[in-house]
């Protein structure tokens, strides 16, 4: 049975938003701007490879950066610049 393209896109978008919200939640709880991908995948109950692919998209969107360290992959959120009111 062939799955309609709109269903696949809908599932991907939901997964992607879940990963983005998960990163924000873990960063807020840990008070660190970087999150180990392994911890995030456990928190979201998702395959680490899937989480990493979503983080690569967030990296391309400029949300943060996916980095590699001795302990594995990390995703670091970019700090938001404070707006200066004129």
C-alpha atoms as a PDB file:
ATOM      1  CA  UNK A   1       0.000   0.000   0.000  1.00  0.00           C
ATOM      2  CA  UNK A   2       1.327   3.398  -0.986  1.00  0.00           C
ATOM      3  CA  UNK A   3       1.287   6.106   1.688  1.00  0.00           C
ATOM      4  CA  UNK A   4       0.067   9.512   0.432  1.00  0.00           C
ATOM      5  CA  UNK A   5       2.819  12.135   0.266  1.00  0.00           C
ATOM      6  CA  UNK A   6       0.835  14.565   2.444  1.00  0.00           C
ATOM      7  CA  UNK A   7       0.740  12.003   5.290  1.00  0.00           C
ATOM      8  CA  UNK A   8       4.515  11.536   5.119  1.00  0.00           C
ATOM      9  CA  UNK A   9       5.088  15.309   5.158  1.00  0.00           C
ATOM     10  CA  UNK A  10       2.662  15.727   8.068  1.00  0.00           C
ATOM     11  CA  UNK A  11       4.455  13.053  10.102  1.00  0.00           C
ATOM     12  CA  UNK A  12       7.853  14.612   9.375  1.00  0.00           C
ATOM     13  CA  UNK A  13       6.685  18.104  10.359  1.00  0.00           C
ATOM     14  CA  UNK A  14       5.212  16.805  13.636  1.00  0.00           C
ATOM     15  CA  UNK A  15       8.442  14.913  14.395  1.00  0.00           C
ATOM     16  CA  UNK A  16      10.522  17.982  13.552  1.00  0.00           C
ATOM     17  CA  UNK A  17       8.510  20.269  15.836  1.00  0.00           C
ATOM     18  CA  UNK A  18       8.760  17.660  18.589  1.00  0.00           C
ATOM     19  CA  UNK A  19      12.557  17.619  18.290  1.00  0.00           C
ATOM     20  CA  UNK A  20      12.740  21.429  18.276  1.00  0.00           C
ATOM     21  CA  UNK A  21      10.552  21.700  21.386  1.00  0.00           C
ATOM     22  CA  UNK A  22      12.549  18.893  23.015  1.00  0.00           C
ATOM     23  CA  UNK A  23      15.810  20.792  22.479  1.00  0.00           C
ATOM     24  CA  UNK A  24      14.309  23.943  23.989  1.00  0.00           C
ATOM     25  CA  UNK A  25      12.975  21.993  26.985  1.00  0.00           C
ATOM     26  CA  UNK A  26      16.233  20.161  27.720  1.00  0.00           C
ATOM     27  CA  UNK A  27      18.264  23.377  27.330  1.00  0.00           C
ATOM     28  CA  UNK A  28      15.945  25.202  29.727  1.00  0.00           C
ATOM     29  CA  UNK A  29      16.099  22.384  32.308  1.00  0.00           C
ATOM     30  CA  UNK A  30      19.867  21.918  32.111  1.00  0.00           C
ATOM     31  CA  UNK A  31      20.668  25.645  31.930  1.00  0.00           C
ATOM     32  CA  UNK A  32      23.209  24.845  29.244  1.00  0.00           C
ATOM     33  CA  UNK A  33      23.053  25.947  25.628  1.00  0.00           C
ATOM     34  CA  UNK A  34      24.312  22.542  24.404  1.00  0.00           C
ATOM     35  CA  UNK A  35      22.420  19.248  24.498  1.00  0.00           C
ATOM     36  CA  UNK A  36      23.907  15.775  23.912  1.00  0.00           C
ATOM     37  CA  UNK A  37      21.994  14.103  21.069  1.00  0.00           C
ATOM     38  CA  UNK A  38      21.949  10.837  23.048  1.00  0.00           C
ATOM     39  CA  UNK A  39      20.153  12.521  25.976  1.00  0.00           C
ATOM     40  CA  UNK A  40      17.707  14.208  23.629  1.00  0.00           C
ATOM     41  CA  UNK A  41      16.880  10.952  21.848  1.00  0.00           C
ATOM     42  CA  UNK A  42      16.219   9.262  25.213  1.00  0.00           C
ATOM     43  CA  UNK A  43      14.034  12.179  26.336  1.00  0.00           C
ATOM     44  CA  UNK A  44      12.034  12.072  23.076  1.00  0.00           C
ATOM     45  CA  UNK A  45      12.081   8.248  22.822  1.00  0.00           C
ATOM     46  CA  UNK A  46      13.324   8.490  19.252  1.00  0.00           C
ATOM     47  CA  UNK A  47      16.152   6.869  17.324  1.00  0.00           C
ATOM     48  CA  UNK A  48      19.337   8.974  17.696  1.00  0.00           C
ATOM     49  CA  UNK A  49      19.878   8.930  13.919  1.00  0.00           C
ATOM     50  CA  UNK A  50      16.412  10.409  13.347  1.00  0.00           C
ATOM     51  CA  UNK A  51      16.997  13.076  15.998  1.00  0.00           C
ATOM     52  CA  UNK A  52      20.375  13.915  14.439  1.00  0.00           C
ATOM     53  CA  UNK A  53      18.772  14.355  10.993  1.00  0.00           C
ATOM     54  CA  UNK A  54      16.213  16.776  12.421  1.00  0.00           C
ATOM     55  CA  UNK A  55      19.000  18.653  14.213  1.00  0.00           C
ATOM     56  CA  UNK A  56      20.877  18.939  10.913  1.00  0.00           C
ATOM     57  CA  UNK A  57      17.826  20.737   9.478  1.00  0.00           C
ATOM     58  CA  UNK A  58      17.679  23.023  12.532  1.00  0.00           C
ATOM     59  CA  UNK A  59      21.375  23.697  11.952  1.00  0.00           C
ATOM     60  CA  UNK A  60      20.656  24.735   8.345  1.00  0.00           C
ATOM     61  CA  UNK A  61      17.794  26.944   9.550  1.00  0.00           C
ATOM     62  CA  UNK A  62      20.203  28.795  11.831  1.00  0.00           C
ATOM     63  CA  UNK A  63      18.561  27.678  15.098  1.00  0.00           C
ATOM     64  CA  UNK A  64      21.801  26.245  16.426  1.00  0.00           C
ATOM     65  CA  UNK A  65      24.766  24.134  15.453  1.00  0.00           C
ATOM     66  CA  UNK A  66      25.351  20.406  15.449  1.00  0.00           C
ATOM     67  CA  UNK A  67      28.801  19.636  16.848  1.00  0.00           C
ATOM     68  CA  UNK A  68      30.897  16.530  17.300  1.00  0.00           C
ATOM     69  CA  UNK A  69      32.917  15.916  20.453  1.00  0.00           C
ATOM     70  CA  UNK A  70      34.708  13.061  22.174  1.00  0.00           C
ATOM     71  CA  UNK A  71      31.434  12.066  23.845  1.00  0.00           C
ATOM     72  CA  UNK A  72      29.431  12.112  20.599  1.00  0.00           C
ATOM     73  CA  UNK A  73      27.126  14.624  18.949  1.00  0.00           C
ATOM     74  CA  UNK A  74      25.873  17.804  20.605  1.00  0.00           C
ATOM     75  CA  UNK A  75      23.382  20.410  19.478  1.00  0.00           C
ATOM     76  CA  UNK A  76      24.028  23.949  20.698  1.00  0.00           C
ATOM     77  CA  UNK A  77      21.333  26.616  20.477  1.00  0.00           C
ATOM     78  CA  UNK A  78      22.377  30.033  19.290  1.00  0.00           C
ATOM     79  CA  UNK A  79      21.996  32.743  21.867  1.00  0.00           C
ATOM     80  CA  UNK A  80      19.292  35.237  21.073  1.00  0.00           C
ATOM     81  CA  UNK A  81      20.519  38.795  20.824  1.00  0.00           C
ATOM     82  CA  UNK A  82      18.746  41.304  23.018  1.00  0.00           C
ATOM     83  CA  UNK A  83      16.871  43.958  21.102  1.00  0.00           C
ATOM     84  CA  UNK A  84      17.790  47.542  21.703  1.00  0.00           C
ATOM     85  CA  UNK A  85      14.800  49.838  21.770  1.00  0.00           C
ATOM     86  CA  UNK A  86      15.275  53.275  20.230  1.00  0.00           C
END
